[in-house]
């Protein structure tokens, strides 16, 4: 999948959860949504982009969700 599109889609999810008044809840919501609705290959690719420093366009909330909840988001196997 196009790397820029993954960042854009993740940021749109982040925009939705950013409206929550509790920051921790918003962060958890982003991670939970990515885990439930994104294919493992999409999550794997986004995490790899983050690791390589190629996800510069991510919002702070999405970046934090990826870092704090990495174990939840990494596909098994």
N, C-alpha and C. Protein backbone atom coordinates (compact mmCIF):
# COMPACT_ATOMS: atom_id res chain seq x y z
N UNK A 1 0.85 -1.18 0.00
CA UNK A 1 0.00 0.00 0.00
C UNK A 1 0.89 1.24 0.00
N UNK A 2 0.41 2.28 -0.59
CA UNK A 2 1.15 3.54 -0.68
C UNK A 2 1.44 4.08 0.72
N UNK A 3 2.72 4.30 1.04
CA UNK A 3 3.08 4.77 2.39
C UNK A 3 2.40 6.08 2.78
N UNK A 4 2.30 7.00 1.86
CA UNK A 4 1.65 8.28 2.18
C UNK A 4 0.18 8.08 2.49
N UNK A 5 -0.45 7.14 1.80
CA UNK A 5 -1.86 6.88 2.05
C UNK A 5 -2.06 6.28 3.45
N UNK A 6 -1.16 5.40 3.87
CA UNK A 6 -1.26 4.83 5.22
C UNK A 6 -1.19 5.94 6.27
N UNK A 7 -0.25 6.84 6.10
CA UNK A 7 -0.11 7.95 7.05
C UNK A 7 -1.37 8.81 7.05
N UNK A 8 -1.87 9.10 5.88
CA UNK A 8 -3.08 9.93 5.76
C UNK A 8 -4.28 9.25 6.44
N UNK A 9 -4.44 7.94 6.20
CA UNK A 9 -5.56 7.21 6.81
C UNK A 9 -5.41 7.15 8.33
N UNK A 10 -4.19 6.90 8.81
CA UNK A 10 -3.96 6.85 10.26
C UNK A 10 -4.25 8.21 10.89
N UNK A 11 -3.87 9.28 10.22
CA UNK A 11 -4.12 10.62 10.74
C UNK A 11 -5.61 10.94 10.80
N UNK A 12 -6.37 10.44 9.85
CA UNK A 12 -7.82 10.67 9.87
C UNK A 12 -8.45 9.95 11.07
N UNK A 13 -7.96 8.76 11.37
CA UNK A 13 -8.42 8.06 12.56
C UNK A 13 -8.05 8.87 13.80
N UNK A 14 -6.84 9.38 13.80
CA UNK A 14 -6.38 10.21 14.91
C UNK A 14 -7.23 11.46 15.10
N UNK A 15 -7.64 12.07 14.00
CA UNK A 15 -8.48 13.27 14.08
C UNK A 15 -9.79 12.96 14.79
N UNK A 16 -10.35 11.80 14.49
CA UNK A 16 -11.61 11.41 15.13
C UNK A 16 -11.42 11.29 16.64
N UNK A 17 -10.39 10.55 17.05
CA UNK A 17 -10.19 10.31 18.47
C UNK A 17 -9.64 11.52 19.21
N UNK A 18 -9.02 12.44 18.51
CA UNK A 18 -8.48 13.65 19.14
C UNK A 18 -9.59 14.50 19.76
N UNK A 19 -10.81 14.30 19.32
CA UNK A 19 -11.94 15.06 19.87
C UNK A 19 -12.30 14.61 21.29
N UNK A 20 -11.80 13.46 21.71
CA UNK A 20 -12.09 12.99 23.07
C UNK A 20 -11.38 13.89 24.08
N UNK A 21 -12.02 14.19 25.19
CA UNK A 21 -11.40 15.08 26.17
C UNK A 21 -10.22 14.45 26.92
N UNK A 22 -10.19 13.13 27.01
CA UNK A 22 -9.12 12.43 27.73
C UNK A 22 -8.07 11.97 26.72
N UNK A 23 -6.85 12.50 26.84
CA UNK A 23 -5.79 12.19 25.89
C UNK A 23 -5.44 10.70 25.88
N UNK A 24 -5.34 10.09 27.05
CA UNK A 24 -5.01 8.67 27.13
C UNK A 24 -6.08 7.82 26.45
N UNK A 25 -7.33 8.19 26.63
CA UNK A 25 -8.43 7.47 25.99
C UNK A 25 -8.35 7.62 24.47
N UNK A 26 -7.99 8.80 24.01
CA UNK A 26 -7.83 9.04 22.57
C UNK A 26 -6.71 8.18 22.00
N UNK A 27 -5.61 8.12 22.71
CA UNK A 27 -4.47 7.31 22.28
C UNK A 27 -4.86 5.84 22.22
N UNK A 28 -5.52 5.36 23.24
CA UNK A 28 -5.99 3.98 23.27
C UNK A 28 -6.98 3.71 22.13
N UNK A 29 -7.84 4.68 21.85
CA UNK A 29 -8.82 4.53 20.79
C UNK A 29 -8.18 4.39 19.42
N UNK A 30 -7.14 5.17 19.16
CA UNK A 30 -6.43 5.05 17.88
C UNK A 30 -5.85 3.66 17.74
N UNK A 31 -5.15 3.20 18.77
CA UNK A 31 -4.51 1.88 18.71
C UNK A 31 -5.55 0.77 18.56
N UNK A 32 -6.63 0.86 19.30
CA UNK A 32 -7.67 -0.17 19.23
C UNK A 32 -8.29 -0.21 17.84
N UNK A 33 -8.55 0.95 17.27
CA UNK A 33 -9.13 1.00 15.93
C UNK A 33 -8.18 0.37 14.91
N UNK A 34 -6.91 0.73 14.97
CA UNK A 34 -5.94 0.16 14.03
C UNK A 34 -5.87 -1.35 14.19
N UNK A 35 -5.90 -1.83 15.40
CA UNK A 35 -5.82 -3.28 15.65
C UNK A 35 -7.05 -4.01 15.10
N UNK A 36 -8.21 -3.43 15.32
CA UNK A 36 -9.45 -4.10 14.91
C UNK A 36 -9.72 -4.05 13.42
N UNK A 37 -9.42 -2.92 12.79
CA UNK A 37 -9.90 -2.70 11.43
C UNK A 37 -8.83 -2.67 10.35
N UNK A 38 -7.59 -2.60 10.71
CA UNK A 38 -6.53 -2.61 9.71
C UNK A 38 -5.98 -4.02 9.55
N UNK A 39 -5.69 -4.40 8.31
CA UNK A 39 -5.07 -5.69 8.06
C UNK A 39 -3.69 -5.71 8.69
N UNK A 40 -3.23 -6.89 9.10
CA UNK A 40 -1.89 -6.98 9.70
C UNK A 40 -0.79 -6.39 8.81
N UNK A 41 -0.88 -6.59 7.50
CA UNK A 41 0.16 -6.05 6.62
C UNK A 41 0.18 -4.52 6.63
N UNK A 42 -0.98 -3.90 6.79
CA UNK A 42 -1.04 -2.44 6.86
C UNK A 42 -0.38 -1.94 8.14
N UNK A 43 -0.69 -2.60 9.26
CA UNK A 43 -0.07 -2.21 10.53
C UNK A 43 1.43 -2.44 10.49
N UNK A 44 1.84 -3.58 9.93
CA UNK A 44 3.27 -3.90 9.82
C UNK A 44 3.99 -2.83 8.99
N UNK A 45 3.38 -2.44 7.89
CA UNK A 45 4.00 -1.44 7.01
C UNK A 45 4.10 -0.08 7.70
N UNK A 46 3.06 0.33 8.41
CA UNK A 46 3.09 1.62 9.09
C UNK A 46 4.13 1.62 10.20
N UNK A 47 4.23 0.54 10.95
CA UNK A 47 5.24 0.45 12.01
C UNK A 47 6.66 0.46 11.42
N UNK A 48 6.84 -0.20 10.29
CA UNK A 48 8.14 -0.20 9.62
C UNK A 48 8.50 1.21 9.15
N UNK A 49 7.53 1.93 8.62
CA UNK A 49 7.77 3.32 8.21
C UNK A 49 8.21 4.15 9.41
N UNK A 50 7.54 3.97 10.51
CA UNK A 50 7.88 4.69 11.74
C UNK A 50 9.31 4.37 12.16
N UNK A 51 9.67 3.09 12.13
CA UNK A 51 11.01 2.66 12.53
C UNK A 51 12.10 3.25 11.63
N UNK A 52 11.79 3.38 10.35
CA UNK A 52 12.78 3.91 9.39
C UNK A 52 12.79 5.43 9.34
N UNK A 53 11.92 6.06 10.11
CA UNK A 53 11.85 7.52 10.08
C UNK A 53 11.17 8.06 8.84
N UNK A 54 10.33 7.25 8.22
CA UNK A 54 9.66 7.63 6.98
C UNK A 54 8.19 8.00 7.19
N UNK A 55 7.80 8.24 8.42
CA UNK A 55 6.40 8.56 8.71
C UNK A 55 6.32 9.97 9.29
N UNK A 56 7.03 10.90 8.66
CA UNK A 56 7.10 12.26 9.18
C UNK A 56 5.75 12.94 9.27
N UNK A 57 4.81 12.57 8.45
CA UNK A 57 3.52 13.24 8.43
C UNK A 57 2.55 12.82 9.51
N UNK A 58 2.93 11.84 10.33
CA UNK A 58 2.01 11.39 11.38
C UNK A 58 1.78 12.48 12.42
N UNK A 59 0.55 12.58 12.87
CA UNK A 59 0.26 13.52 13.95
C UNK A 59 0.84 12.98 15.26
N UNK A 60 0.98 13.84 16.22
CA UNK A 60 1.53 13.44 17.51
C UNK A 60 0.72 12.35 18.18
N UNK A 61 -0.59 12.45 18.10
CA UNK A 61 -1.45 11.46 18.74
C UNK A 61 -1.26 10.08 18.11
N UNK A 62 -1.22 10.01 16.80
CA UNK A 62 -1.07 8.73 16.12
C UNK A 62 0.31 8.15 16.40
N UNK A 63 1.32 8.98 16.34
CA UNK A 63 2.69 8.52 16.64
C UNK A 63 2.76 7.97 18.06
N UNK A 64 2.17 8.67 19.00
CA UNK A 64 2.16 8.21 20.39
C UNK A 64 1.43 6.88 20.52
N UNK A 65 0.29 6.75 19.85
CA UNK A 65 -0.48 5.50 19.91
C UNK A 65 0.35 4.34 19.35
N UNK A 66 1.05 4.57 18.26
CA UNK A 66 1.88 3.51 17.68
C UNK A 66 3.00 3.11 18.62
N UNK A 67 3.62 4.08 19.25
CA UNK A 67 4.74 3.80 20.14
C UNK A 67 4.29 3.16 21.45
N UNK A 68 3.23 3.67 22.05
CA UNK A 68 2.76 3.16 23.35
C UNK A 68 2.11 1.79 23.24
N UNK A 69 1.50 1.51 22.10
CA UNK A 69 0.73 0.27 21.95
C UNK A 69 1.31 -0.64 20.88
N UNK A 70 2.59 -0.55 20.70
CA UNK A 70 3.24 -1.33 19.64
C UNK A 70 2.97 -2.83 19.79
N UNK A 71 3.05 -3.35 21.00
CA UNK A 71 2.84 -4.80 21.21
C UNK A 71 1.45 -5.22 20.76
N UNK A 72 0.47 -4.37 20.97
CA UNK A 72 -0.90 -4.65 20.55
C UNK A 72 -1.02 -4.62 19.02
N UNK A 73 -0.25 -3.76 18.39
CA UNK A 73 -0.40 -3.51 16.96
C UNK A 73 0.45 -4.43 16.08
N UNK A 74 1.51 -5.00 16.63
CA UNK A 74 2.35 -5.87 15.81
C UNK A 74 1.64 -7.17 15.54
N UNK A 75 1.51 -7.51 14.27
CA UNK A 75 0.84 -8.76 13.92
C UNK A 75 1.63 -9.96 14.44
N UNK A 76 0.92 -10.97 14.83
CA UNK A 76 1.57 -12.21 15.32
C UNK A 76 2.26 -12.90 14.16
N UNK A 77 3.37 -13.53 14.47
CA UNK A 77 4.09 -14.30 13.45
C UNK A 77 4.98 -13.46 12.71
